[in-house]
Amino acid sequence: MIEVQREVITSADPRSAFDYLADFTTTEQWDAGSIRTVRIRGNGDIGTHYANSAKFAGRTRDVDYEVIALTPGSSIELRGSTSALMAHDIITVEPHPSGSAVTYRVEFTFRGWLRYAEPILRRTMSNRADHSAAGLRRELARLQA
């Protein structure tokens, strides 16, 4: 399993930041690997499903995500799966003197032949997390504009 976590401090207030991030379709704006995300079932609460197309390991993969936990205004937890991987995403938003502190954590569990490539994929996933954090900073800053 590969775990990556990044924290972003933003001037956006916690409610605005959370509302933006809890709408998982926004991943296509800030997540380094996401190409397109569509809500296919639900209203954003627990049990909501999203279809995410993501670039990973040189290929575009369709990832089915489900909201598995939600604390309105504070955290959202999703589980994503394909034939090649399981992803467990946790996004938390907390008040910060500057506005909000957003923590984005993802655990990747690879299946099939990719599980043998985990040592090589660690650097790739870390770089992807860095780019996603930069995207988060950029998009959350726009909430204040």
Protein backbone atom coordinates (compact mmCIF):
# COMPACT_ATOMS: atom_id res chain seq x y z
CA MET A 1 0.00 0.00 0.00
CA ILE A 2 1.12 3.53 -0.78
CA GLU A 3 -0.03 6.40 1.43
CA VAL A 4 0.33 10.06 0.51
CA GLN A 5 -0.85 13.07 2.47
CA ARG A 6 -0.62 16.78 1.85
CA GLU A 7 -1.85 19.80 3.80
CA VAL A 8 -2.82 23.07 2.18
CA ILE A 9 -3.41 26.31 4.06
CA THR A 10 -5.85 28.60 2.30
CA SER A 11 -7.51 31.94 2.95
CA ALA A 12 -10.87 30.38 2.01
CA ASP A 13 -13.21 30.01 4.96
CA PRO A 14 -13.78 26.43 6.17
CA ARG A 15 -17.40 26.20 4.95
CA SER A 16 -16.56 27.38 1.42
CA ALA A 17 -13.51 25.11 1.23
CA PHE A 18 -15.46 22.09 2.45
CA ASP A 19 -18.44 22.69 0.18
CA TYR A 20 -16.10 22.95 -2.81
CA LEU A 21 -14.17 19.77 -1.95
CA ALA A 22 -17.20 17.72 -0.88
CA ASP A 23 -18.43 18.10 -4.46
CA PHE A 24 -16.05 15.42 -5.75
CA THR A 25 -16.69 16.50 -9.35
CA THR A 26 -14.26 19.36 -8.66
CA THR A 27 -11.36 16.88 -8.72
CA GLU A 28 -11.05 17.49 -12.45
CA GLN A 29 -10.06 21.08 -11.59
CA TRP A 30 -7.39 20.34 -8.98
CA ASP A 31 -6.40 16.64 -8.90
CA ALA A 32 -3.31 15.96 -10.99
CA GLY A 33 -4.59 12.65 -12.35
CA SER A 34 -8.29 13.37 -12.80
CA ILE A 35 -9.51 14.02 -16.30
CA ARG A 36 -13.25 13.96 -15.68
CA THR A 37 -15.48 13.26 -12.67
CA VAL A 38 -19.26 12.90 -12.87
CA ARG A 39 -21.73 12.23 -10.08
CA ILE A 40 -23.75 9.24 -11.25
CA ARG A 41 -25.94 8.55 -8.23
CA GLY A 42 -26.81 10.33 -4.99
CA ASN A 43 -26.82 13.88 -3.71
CA GLY A 44 -23.34 14.06 -2.19
CA ASP A 45 -24.21 12.22 1.02
CA ILE A 46 -23.00 8.77 2.09
CA GLY A 47 -23.65 6.30 -0.71
CA THR A 48 -23.18 8.83 -3.51
CA HIS A 49 -21.28 7.39 -6.50
CA TYR A 50 -18.91 9.20 -8.84
CA ALA A 51 -17.38 8.06 -12.12
CA ASN A 52 -13.82 9.35 -12.38
CA SER A 53 -11.56 9.07 -15.42
CA ALA A 54 -7.96 9.32 -14.30
CA LYS A 55 -4.56 9.12 -15.93
CA PHE A 56 -2.46 6.56 -14.11
CA ALA A 57 0.64 4.59 -15.08
CA GLY A 58 0.42 5.94 -18.61
CA ARG A 59 -3.18 4.85 -19.13
CA THR A 60 -6.60 6.34 -18.63
CA ARG A 61 -8.57 4.33 -16.09
CA ASP A 62 -12.17 4.60 -14.98
CA VAL A 63 -12.43 4.69 -11.21
CA ASP A 64 -15.75 4.17 -9.44
CA TYR A 65 -15.87 6.21 -6.22
CA GLU A 66 -18.37 5.99 -3.39
CA VAL A 67 -18.77 8.36 -0.43
CA ILE A 68 -18.36 6.08 2.60
CA ALA A 69 -18.27 8.67 5.41
CA LEU A 70 -19.25 12.31 5.69
CA THR A 71 -19.10 14.85 8.49
CA PRO A 72 -20.68 17.97 6.95
CA GLY A 73 -18.38 20.95 7.09
CA SER A 74 -15.44 18.85 8.27
CA SER A 75 -14.56 15.66 6.36
CA ILE A 76 -15.47 13.40 3.48
CA GLU A 77 -14.18 9.89 2.89
CA LEU A 78 -14.42 8.02 -0.40
CA ARG A 79 -13.45 4.60 -1.68
CA GLY A 80 -12.47 4.18 -5.31
CA SER A 81 -11.86 1.00 -7.23
CA THR A 82 -10.77 -0.39 -10.56
CA SER A 83 -9.51 -3.80 -11.55
CA ALA A 84 -5.98 -2.47 -10.90
CA LEU A 85 -6.33 -0.56 -7.62
CA MET A 86 -8.30 0.47 -4.57
CA ALA A 87 -8.10 4.08 -3.42
CA HIS A 88 -9.21 5.41 -0.04
CA ASP A 89 -9.45 9.23 -0.07
CA ILE A 90 -9.96 11.32 3.06
CA ILE A 91 -10.36 15.09 2.84
CA THR A 92 -10.59 17.13 6.03
CA VAL A 93 -11.09 20.86 6.48
CA GLU A 94 -10.35 22.65 9.75
CA PRO A 95 -10.37 26.30 10.76
CA HIS A 96 -6.97 27.98 10.61
CA PRO A 97 -5.93 31.52 11.58
CA SER A 98 -5.41 32.24 7.87
CA GLY A 99 -8.73 30.67 6.82
CA SER A 100 -8.66 26.87 6.49
CA ALA A 101 -6.29 23.93 6.72
CA VAL A 102 -7.15 21.23 4.19
CA THR A 103 -5.64 17.78 4.55
CA TYR A 104 -5.88 15.40 1.61
CA ARG A 105 -4.85 11.82 2.28
CA VAL A 106 -4.99 8.90 -0.15
CA GLU A 107 -4.13 5.25 0.36
CA PHE A 108 -3.56 3.21 -2.79
CA THR A 109 -3.68 -0.58 -2.76
CA PHE A 110 -2.63 -2.08 -6.06
CA ARG A 111 -3.89 -5.30 -7.58
CA GLY A 112 -2.51 -7.69 -10.15
CA TRP A 113 0.91 -7.00 -11.59
CA LEU A 114 0.86 -3.39 -10.32
CA ARG A 115 1.29 -4.56 -6.73
CA TYR A 116 4.81 -5.69 -7.69
CA ALA A 117 5.55 -2.21 -9.03
CA GLU A 118 4.71 -0.42 -5.76
CA PRO A 119 8.33 0.49 -4.96
CA ILE A 120 8.59 2.23 -8.34
CA LEU A 121 5.14 3.81 -8.07
CA ARG A 122 5.85 5.45 -4.69
CA ARG A 123 7.75 8.33 -6.26
CA THR A 124 5.11 8.74 -8.97
CA MET A 125 2.31 8.88 -6.40
CA SER A 126 4.25 11.34 -4.24
CA ASN A 127 4.82 13.62 -7.25
CA ARG A 128 1.16 13.33 -8.16
CA ALA A 129 0.21 14.34 -4.60
CA ASP A 130 2.51 17.39 -4.86
CA HIS A 131 0.81 18.46 -8.11
CA SER A 132 -2.63 17.86 -6.60
CA ALA A 133 -1.73 20.01 -3.57
CA ALA A 134 -0.66 22.79 -5.93
CA GLY A 135 -4.00 22.43 -7.73
CA LEU A 136 -5.84 22.60 -4.41
CA ARG A 137 -4.00 25.81 -3.47
CA ARG A 138 -4.82 27.37 -6.83
CA GLU A 139 -8.52 26.44 -6.85
CA LEU A 140 -9.16 27.22 -3.18
CA ALA A 141 -7.56 30.65 -3.66
CA ARG A 142 -10.16 31.33 -6.37
CA LEU A 143 -12.94 30.89 -3.81
CA GLN A 144 -11.85 34.23 -2.35
CA ALA A 145 -11.63 36.03 -5.70
